[in-house]
Amino acid sequence: MSDVKRDELSRLCRERREELGLSMAQLAAASGDDAMASSWVARLETGQLRDIPRRERLAALAKGLRLSYQTVARAAAAQFLDVEDDAVWSADGTVRVVVDRMGEMNETGRQELAQIAELFSRRPTHGSGT
């Protein structure tokens, strides 16, 4: 285990909350978890939580942040359990985003995304990454 303090969930929460323009109290209210208070959000964002939040709390946080549960759970696992799964994902995170969002789509959306991916995979590439 590394001596470097991990902050994936703390950073995700802070950055996404700011992106949405929410205060800590507004995020707590948007989570739907009556027990979540702005003080808990503050402790999370400043890295003061010592234990990984329970699944229900992570699901509520995901709801408040308007992110998939998988995104929030992955950040929690990295921060609190030192779990890394980058070996199976693209280095820039694009594959992870697509997979996470697919779970939120209906069947038609998933089929359309698959068709788009298929079309892009058939495009000729010239040089590096273009």
C-alpha atoms as a PDB file:
ATOM      1  CA  MET A   1       0.000   0.000   0.000  1.00  0.00           C
ATOM      2  CA  SER A   2       1.290   3.453  -0.888  1.00  0.00           C
ATOM      3  CA  ASP A   3       2.185   6.153   1.645  1.00  0.00           C
ATOM      4  CA  VAL A   4       0.450   8.720  -0.570  1.00  0.00           C
ATOM      5  CA  LYS A   5      -2.951   9.748   0.761  1.00  0.00           C
ATOM      6  CA  ARG A   6      -5.618   8.883  -1.803  1.00  0.00           C
ATOM      7  CA  ASP A   7      -8.390  11.402  -2.465  1.00  0.00           C
ATOM      8  CA  GLU A   8     -10.340  10.107  -5.477  1.00  0.00           C
ATOM      9  CA  LEU A   9     -13.807  10.250  -3.866  1.00  0.00           C
ATOM     10  CA  SER A  10     -13.109  13.515  -2.039  1.00  0.00           C
ATOM     11  CA  ARG A  11     -11.904  15.152  -5.238  1.00  0.00           C
ATOM     12  CA  LEU A  12     -14.743  13.715  -7.343  1.00  0.00           C
ATOM     13  CA  CYS A  13     -17.334  15.004  -4.889  1.00  0.00           C
ATOM     14  CA  ARG A  14     -15.816  18.489  -4.604  1.00  0.00           C
ATOM     15  CA  GLU A  15     -15.250  18.937  -8.348  1.00  0.00           C
ATOM     16  CA  ARG A  16     -18.648  17.598  -9.398  1.00  0.00           C
ATOM     17  CA  ARG A  17     -20.513  19.577  -6.709  1.00  0.00           C
ATOM     18  CA  GLU A  18     -18.792  22.763  -7.886  1.00  0.00           C
ATOM     19  CA  GLU A  19     -19.491  21.870 -11.518  1.00  0.00           C
ATOM     20  CA  LEU A  20     -23.196  21.543 -10.666  1.00  0.00           C
ATOM     21  CA  GLY A  21     -23.111  24.816  -8.716  1.00  0.00           C
ATOM     22  CA  LEU A  22     -24.355  23.176  -5.516  1.00  0.00           C
ATOM     23  CA  SER A  23     -23.536  24.106  -1.948  1.00  0.00           C
ATOM     24  CA  MET A  24     -22.718  21.279   0.436  1.00  0.00           C
ATOM     25  CA  ALA A  25     -26.191  21.612   1.961  1.00  0.00           C
ATOM     26  CA  GLN A  26     -27.820  21.482  -1.471  1.00  0.00           C
ATOM     27  CA  LEU A  27     -25.850  18.344  -2.340  1.00  0.00           C
ATOM     28  CA  ALA A  28     -26.907  16.704   0.924  1.00  0.00           C
ATOM     29  CA  ALA A  29     -30.553  17.556   0.200  1.00  0.00           C
ATOM     30  CA  ALA A  30     -30.317  16.358  -3.427  1.00  0.00           C
ATOM     31  CA  SER A  31     -28.964  12.993  -2.272  1.00  0.00           C
ATOM     32  CA  GLY A  32     -32.300  11.925  -0.823  1.00  0.00           C
ATOM     33  CA  ASP A  33     -30.489  10.629   2.295  1.00  0.00           C
ATOM     34  CA  ASP A  34     -32.128  12.335   5.268  1.00  0.00           C
ATOM     35  CA  ALA A  35     -29.126  11.471   7.440  1.00  0.00           C
ATOM     36  CA  MET A  36     -26.606  13.092   5.073  1.00  0.00           C
ATOM     37  CA  ALA A  37     -25.646  16.531   6.341  1.00  0.00           C
ATOM     38  CA  SER A  38     -23.501  19.245   4.851  1.00  0.00           C
ATOM     39  CA  SER A  39     -20.975  18.546   7.634  1.00  0.00           C
ATOM     40  CA  TRP A  40     -20.564  14.973   6.304  1.00  0.00           C
ATOM     41  CA  VAL A  41     -20.019  16.335   2.782  1.00  0.00           C
ATOM     42  CA  ALA A  42     -17.427  18.757   4.179  1.00  0.00           C
ATOM     43  CA  ARG A  43     -15.598  15.943   5.993  1.00  0.00           C
ATOM     44  CA  LEU A  44     -15.630  13.866   2.801  1.00  0.00           C
ATOM     45  CA  GLU A  45     -14.330  16.682   0.617  1.00  0.00           C
ATOM     46  CA  THR A  46     -11.537  17.585   3.039  1.00  0.00           C
ATOM     47  CA  GLY A  47     -10.408  13.979   3.424  1.00  0.00           C
ATOM     48  CA  GLN A  48     -11.430  13.670   7.069  1.00  0.00           C
ATOM     49  CA  LEU A  49     -13.506  10.501   6.674  1.00  0.00           C
ATOM     50  CA  ARG A  50     -11.586   7.442   7.822  1.00  0.00           C
ATOM     51  CA  ASP A  51     -13.917   4.638   6.771  1.00  0.00           C
ATOM     52  CA  ILE A  52     -15.437   3.892   3.409  1.00  0.00           C
ATOM     53  CA  PRO A  53     -19.073   5.032   3.323  1.00  0.00           C
ATOM     54  CA  ARG A  54     -21.719   2.302   3.230  1.00  0.00           C
ATOM     55  CA  ARG A  55     -23.270   1.335  -0.094  1.00  0.00           C
ATOM     56  CA  GLU A  56     -26.489   3.233   0.661  1.00  0.00           C
ATOM     57  CA  ARG A  57     -24.541   6.427   1.380  1.00  0.00           C
ATOM     58  CA  LEU A  58     -22.518   6.039  -1.832  1.00  0.00           C
ATOM     59  CA  ALA A  59     -25.726   5.518  -3.820  1.00  0.00           C
ATOM     60  CA  ALA A  60     -27.237   8.647  -2.266  1.00  0.00           C
ATOM     61  CA  LEU A  61     -24.065  10.608  -3.004  1.00  0.00           C
ATOM     62  CA  ALA A  62     -24.155   9.414  -6.614  1.00  0.00           C
ATOM     63  CA  LYS A  63     -27.775  10.577  -6.887  1.00  0.00           C
ATOM     64  CA  GLY A  64     -26.938  14.004  -5.481  1.00  0.00           C
ATOM     65  CA  LEU A  65     -23.923  14.366  -7.773  1.00  0.00           C
ATOM     66  CA  ARG A  66     -25.905  13.068 -10.774  1.00  0.00           C
ATOM     67  CA  LEU A  67     -23.286  10.413 -11.440  1.00  0.00           C
ATOM     68  CA  SER A  68     -23.562   6.674 -11.828  1.00  0.00           C
ATOM     69  CA  TYR A  69     -23.203   4.570  -8.718  1.00  0.00           C
ATOM     70  CA  GLN A  70     -20.276   2.780 -10.396  1.00  0.00           C
ATOM     71  CA  THR A  71     -18.350   6.042 -10.792  1.00  0.00           C
ATOM     72  CA  VAL A  72     -18.777   6.963  -7.131  1.00  0.00           C
ATOM     73  CA  ALA A  73     -18.113   3.422  -5.863  1.00  0.00           C
ATOM     74  CA  ARG A  74     -14.949   3.162  -7.965  1.00  0.00           C
ATOM     75  CA  ALA A  75     -13.641   6.442  -6.514  1.00  0.00           C
ATOM     76  CA  ALA A  76     -14.481   5.242  -2.987  1.00  0.00           C
ATOM     77  CA  ALA A  77     -12.676   1.943  -3.563  1.00  0.00           C
ATOM     78  CA  ALA A  78      -9.610   3.773  -4.820  1.00  0.00           C
ATOM     79  CA  GLN A  79      -9.555   6.247  -1.925  1.00  0.00           C
ATOM     80  CA  PHE A  80     -10.422   3.995   0.985  1.00  0.00           C
ATOM     81  CA  LEU A  81      -9.337   0.532  -0.173  1.00  0.00           C
ATOM     82  CA  ASP A  82      -6.423   1.452  -2.463  1.00  0.00           C
ATOM     83  CA  VAL A  83      -8.121  -0.453  -5.295  1.00  0.00           C
ATOM     84  CA  GLU A  84      -6.986   0.386  -8.819  1.00  0.00           C
ATOM     85  CA  ASP A  85      -8.558  -1.064 -11.923  1.00  0.00           C
ATOM     86  CA  ASP A  86      -6.871   1.088 -14.565  1.00  0.00           C
ATOM     87  CA  ALA A  87      -5.406  -1.976 -16.258  1.00  0.00           C
ATOM     88  CA  VAL A  88      -8.750  -2.779 -17.867  1.00  0.00           C
ATOM     89  CA  TRP A  89      -9.685   0.782 -18.856  1.00  0.00           C
ATOM     90  CA  SER A  90      -8.256   3.321 -21.242  1.00  0.00           C
ATOM     91  CA  ALA A  91      -5.653   5.640 -19.782  1.00  0.00           C
ATOM     92  CA  ASP A  92      -7.733   8.755 -20.481  1.00  0.00           C
ATOM     93  CA  GLY A  93     -10.879   7.366 -18.842  1.00  0.00           C
ATOM     94  CA  THR A  94     -13.088   7.488 -21.936  1.00  0.00           C
ATOM     95  CA  VAL A  95     -13.915   3.782 -21.902  1.00  0.00           C
ATOM     96  CA  ARG A  96     -14.936   3.999 -18.248  1.00  0.00           C
ATOM     97  CA  VAL A  97     -17.249   6.945 -18.947  1.00  0.00           C
ATOM     98  CA  VAL A  98     -18.931   5.119 -21.819  1.00  0.00           C
ATOM     99  CA  VAL A  99     -19.448   1.943 -19.787  1.00  0.00           C
ATOM    100  CA  ASP A 100     -20.788   3.850 -16.771  1.00  0.00           C
ATOM    101  CA  ARG A 101     -23.211   5.860 -18.883  1.00  0.00           C
ATOM    102  CA  MET A 102     -24.454   2.817 -20.788  1.00  0.00           C
ATOM    103  CA  GLY A 103     -25.998   1.516 -17.591  1.00  0.00           C
ATOM    104  CA  GLU A 104     -28.146   4.654 -17.435  1.00  0.00           C
ATOM    105  CA  MET A 105     -29.414   4.336 -21.022  1.00  0.00           C
ATOM    106  CA  ASN A 106     -32.465   2.540 -22.310  1.00  0.00           C
ATOM    107  CA  GLU A 107     -32.091  -0.257 -24.855  1.00  0.00           C
ATOM    108  CA  THR A 108     -32.490   2.086 -27.830  1.00  0.00           C
ATOM    109  CA  GLY A 109     -29.745   4.370 -26.505  1.00  0.00           C
ATOM    110  CA  ARG A 110     -27.379   1.446 -25.952  1.00  0.00           C
ATOM    111  CA  GLN A 111     -27.984   0.181 -29.489  1.00  0.00           C
ATOM    112  CA  GLU A 112     -27.390   3.648 -30.945  1.00  0.00           C
ATOM    113  CA  LEU A 113     -24.156   4.018 -28.966  1.00  0.00           C
ATOM    114  CA  ALA A 114     -22.991   0.599 -30.184  1.00  0.00           C
ATOM    115  CA  GLN A 115     -23.716   1.660 -33.779  1.00  0.00           C
ATOM    116  CA  ILE A 116     -21.758   4.880 -33.306  1.00  0.00           C
ATOM    117  CA  ALA A 117     -18.811   2.962 -31.873  1.00  0.00           C
ATOM    118  CA  GLU A 118     -18.928   0.557 -34.807  1.00  0.00           C
ATOM    119  CA  LEU A 119     -18.936   3.432 -37.304  1.00  0.00           C
ATOM    120  CA  PHE A 120     -16.004   5.132 -35.604  1.00  0.00           C
ATOM    121  CA  SER A 121     -14.014   1.906 -35.473  1.00  0.00           C
ATOM    122  CA  ARG A 122     -14.285   1.605 -39.261  1.00  0.00           C
ATOM    123  CA  ARG A 123     -12.945   5.098 -39.953  1.00  0.00           C
ATOM    124  CA  PRO A 124      -9.468   5.117 -41.437  1.00  0.00           C
ATOM    125  CA  THR A 125      -6.861   6.590 -39.138  1.00  0.00           C
ATOM    126  CA  HIS A 126      -4.033   8.750 -40.303  1.00  0.00           C
ATOM    127  CA  GLY A 127      -1.027   9.427 -38.107  1.00  0.00           C
ATOM    128  CA  SER A 128      -1.272   9.245 -34.332  1.00  0.00           C
ATOM    129  CA  GLY A 129      -4.781   9.468 -32.924  1.00  0.00           C
ATOM    130  CA  THR A 130      -6.463  11.324 -35.804  1.00  0.00           C
END
